[in-house]
Amino acid sequence: MSIYRNMNIVYLQLGSNIGDREQQLEFAISEIKEKVGDITNSSKVYESSPWRVDGQSNYLNQVIKIKTEIDAESVLSVVLDIENDLGRKRIEKWGERLIDIDIIFYNNEIIETAELCIPHKHMHERKFVLTPLNEIASDYLHPKYNKTVADLLVECNDVESVEEHVL
């Protein structure tokens, strides 16, 4: 029997558009390292206009890759706790937020339950996810669509602005 547990690869997307956005991303990353697993890669930070809503401030977005021993449902539970700990209030769908943490991929699994949809069901429609994800995982194959992240980005019809953020 191996002394090593199975390691899972998870891609998380982080976003913030109110408060000190850079600090919120940093706090989230620190909590994720402590409670989810080792961050093995991270994209640059990108600034994007709000997706499908008007009257909100721009978001800062980043994608990180993590190695973890915990299962997908536990990752979801932990990241929801992190969002709450950092002050996230869920008032309206796609509303402004101090922090948003979404699971994009969990290994090559397809999980569709009432609580969890992996791969993230809107990721292929969102440049603010695909642009940073493409930076660190361009060849990653979407398990449902059988297309690479790079191909999904090329095919994406999202017209919202996504630019590298200079810290």
Protein backbone atom coordinates (compact mmCIF):
# COMPACT_ATOMS: atom_id res chain seq x y z
CA MET A 1 0.00 0.00 0.00
CA SER A 2 1.27 3.45 -0.93
CA ILE A 3 1.83 6.00 1.80
CA TYR A 4 0.80 8.72 -0.67
CA ARG A 5 -2.82 9.68 -1.13
CA ASN A 6 -4.25 10.41 -4.54
CA MET A 7 -3.58 13.98 -5.58
CA ASN A 8 -6.26 15.83 -7.49
CA ILE A 9 -5.69 18.72 -9.87
CA VAL A 10 -8.12 21.61 -9.48
CA TYR A 11 -8.37 24.87 -11.41
CA LEU A 12 -10.04 27.72 -9.55
CA GLN A 13 -11.05 31.10 -10.92
CA LEU A 14 -10.90 34.04 -8.50
CA GLY A 15 -12.69 37.34 -9.03
CA SER A 16 -13.32 40.58 -7.14
CA ASN A 17 -14.92 43.87 -8.13
CA ILE A 18 -15.51 45.77 -4.89
CA GLY A 19 -13.25 46.86 -2.07
CA ASP A 20 -9.49 46.40 -2.36
CA ARG A 21 -9.62 43.92 -5.23
CA GLU A 22 -5.91 43.02 -5.20
CA GLN A 23 -5.99 42.41 -1.46
CA GLN A 24 -9.10 40.22 -1.77
CA LEU A 25 -7.32 38.01 -4.33
CA GLU A 26 -4.27 37.80 -2.06
CA PHE A 27 -6.38 36.89 0.98
CA ALA A 28 -8.24 34.22 -1.03
CA ILE A 29 -4.98 32.71 -2.30
CA SER A 30 -3.56 32.60 1.22
CA GLU A 31 -6.69 30.83 2.51
CA ILE A 32 -6.73 28.40 -0.43
CA LYS A 33 -3.09 27.46 0.24
CA GLU A 34 -3.92 26.80 3.87
CA LYS A 35 -7.23 24.98 3.43
CA VAL A 36 -7.34 23.40 -0.06
CA GLY A 37 -3.82 22.51 -1.18
CA ASP A 38 -0.61 23.54 -2.88
CA ILE A 39 -0.87 26.14 -5.63
CA THR A 40 1.32 24.81 -8.44
CA ASN A 41 0.63 27.53 -11.03
CA SER A 42 -1.17 30.84 -11.28
CA SER A 43 -2.03 33.20 -14.08
CA LYS A 44 -1.40 36.90 -14.17
CA VAL A 45 -4.19 39.07 -12.84
CA TYR A 46 -6.59 40.35 -15.49
CA GLU A 47 -9.10 43.19 -15.37
CA SER A 48 -12.43 42.61 -17.06
CA SER A 49 -15.71 44.36 -17.51
CA PRO A 50 -18.66 42.74 -15.70
CA TRP A 51 -20.18 39.83 -17.61
CA ARG A 52 -23.76 40.35 -18.78
CA VAL A 53 -24.50 43.14 -16.30
CA ASP A 54 -24.31 46.94 -16.37
CA GLY A 55 -23.48 49.46 -13.69
CA GLN A 56 -20.78 47.48 -11.88
CA SER A 57 -17.08 48.15 -11.43
CA ASN A 58 -14.53 46.10 -13.36
CA TYR A 59 -13.39 42.78 -11.96
CA LEU A 60 -9.92 41.52 -11.25
CA ASN A 61 -9.66 37.84 -12.21
CA GLN A 62 -7.03 35.17 -11.80
CA VAL A 63 -6.89 31.41 -12.33
CA ILE A 64 -4.86 29.12 -10.10
CA LYS A 65 -3.94 25.44 -10.35
CA ILE A 66 -3.95 23.42 -7.14
CA LYS A 67 -2.89 19.95 -6.06
CA THR A 68 -5.17 18.69 -3.32
CA GLU A 69 -6.10 15.51 -1.51
CA ILE A 70 -9.70 16.56 -0.98
CA ASP A 71 -12.66 15.61 -3.14
CA ALA A 72 -14.61 18.04 -5.34
CA GLU A 73 -17.53 18.45 -2.92
CA SER A 74 -15.11 19.29 -0.11
CA VAL A 75 -13.29 21.81 -2.34
CA LEU A 76 -16.65 23.50 -2.96
CA SER A 77 -17.46 23.56 0.75
CA VAL A 78 -14.05 25.04 1.63
CA VAL A 79 -14.12 27.75 -1.06
CA LEU A 80 -17.66 28.77 -0.03
CA ASP A 81 -16.40 29.07 3.57
CA ILE A 82 -13.45 31.17 2.35
CA GLU A 83 -15.82 33.47 0.43
CA ASN A 84 -17.96 33.88 3.56
CA ASP A 85 -14.91 34.46 5.79
CA LEU A 86 -13.73 37.21 3.40
CA GLY A 87 -17.12 38.93 3.57
CA ARG A 88 -18.96 37.70 0.47
CA LYS A 89 -22.67 38.45 0.58
CA ARG A 90 -24.93 36.69 -1.94
CA ILE A 91 -27.59 39.26 -2.71
CA GLU A 92 -28.26 38.87 -6.44
CA LYS A 93 -27.12 36.52 -9.20
CA TRP A 94 -24.04 37.95 -10.92
CA GLY A 95 -24.05 40.82 -8.43
CA GLU A 96 -21.00 42.71 -7.24
CA ARG A 97 -18.76 40.77 -4.93
CA LEU A 98 -15.78 41.15 -2.67
CA ILE A 99 -14.60 37.70 -3.73
CA ASP A 100 -15.81 34.95 -6.02
CA ILE A 101 -14.15 31.55 -6.20
CA ASP A 102 -15.34 29.12 -8.86
CA ILE A 103 -14.20 25.57 -9.54
CA ILE A 104 -13.42 25.39 -13.26
CA PHE A 105 -11.97 21.88 -13.54
CA TYR A 106 -11.49 19.03 -11.08
CA ASN A 107 -9.18 16.44 -12.64
CA ASN A 108 -10.92 15.39 -15.86
CA GLU A 109 -14.21 14.74 -14.10
CA ILE A 110 -17.70 15.69 -15.17
CA ILE A 111 -19.83 16.31 -12.08
CA GLU A 112 -23.40 17.52 -12.42
CA THR A 113 -25.36 17.67 -9.17
CA ALA A 114 -27.72 20.24 -7.65
CA GLU A 115 -24.79 21.77 -5.76
CA LEU A 116 -21.92 21.38 -8.19
CA CYS A 117 -21.30 21.58 -11.93
CA ILE A 118 -17.79 20.67 -13.09
CA PRO A 119 -16.48 21.73 -15.53
CA HIS A 120 -17.99 25.11 -14.72
CA LYS A 121 -21.08 25.39 -16.92
CA HIS A 122 -20.36 28.92 -18.21
CA MET A 123 -16.55 28.80 -18.46
CA HIS A 124 -16.48 28.31 -22.23
CA GLU A 125 -18.62 31.46 -22.69
CA ARG A 126 -16.42 33.75 -20.57
CA LYS A 127 -13.21 35.38 -21.75
CA PHE A 128 -12.47 36.48 -18.18
CA VAL A 129 -12.11 32.77 -17.32
CA LEU A 130 -10.62 31.51 -20.57
CA THR A 131 -7.91 34.19 -20.92
CA PRO A 132 -6.14 33.51 -17.59
CA LEU A 133 -6.87 29.77 -17.87
CA ASN A 134 -5.30 29.72 -21.34
CA GLU A 135 -2.16 31.32 -19.89
CA ILE A 136 -1.52 28.35 -17.57
CA ALA A 137 -3.43 25.46 -19.21
CA SER A 138 -3.87 26.12 -22.93
CA ASP A 139 -3.63 22.42 -23.82
CA TYR A 140 -6.01 21.25 -21.07
CA LEU A 141 -8.81 19.27 -22.68
CA HIS A 142 -12.35 20.14 -21.61
CA PRO A 143 -13.77 16.70 -20.68
CA LYS A 144 -17.27 17.48 -21.93
CA TYR A 145 -16.53 19.34 -25.18
CA ASN A 146 -13.25 17.56 -26.07
CA LYS A 147 -11.63 20.88 -26.97
CA THR A 148 -8.55 22.51 -25.52
CA VAL A 149 -8.78 25.69 -23.50
CA ALA A 150 -6.96 27.46 -26.36
CA ASP A 151 -9.60 26.27 -28.84
CA LEU A 152 -12.44 27.32 -26.53
CA LEU A 153 -10.89 30.79 -26.23
CA VAL A 154 -10.63 31.16 -30.02
CA GLU A 155 -14.27 30.07 -30.40
CA CYS A 156 -15.59 32.24 -27.54
CA ASN A 157 -18.10 34.91 -28.62
CA ASP A 158 -17.73 36.99 -25.43
CA VAL A 159 -17.14 40.64 -26.36
CA GLU A 160 -16.38 41.90 -22.84
CA SER A 161 -12.96 43.48 -22.29
CA VAL A 162 -10.22 41.39 -20.61
CA GLU A 163 -6.81 43.05 -20.18
CA GLU A 164 -3.74 42.21 -18.12
CA HIS A 165 -3.88 44.16 -14.86
CA VAL A 166 -0.77 46.06 -13.85
CA LEU A 167 -0.39 45.87 -10.07
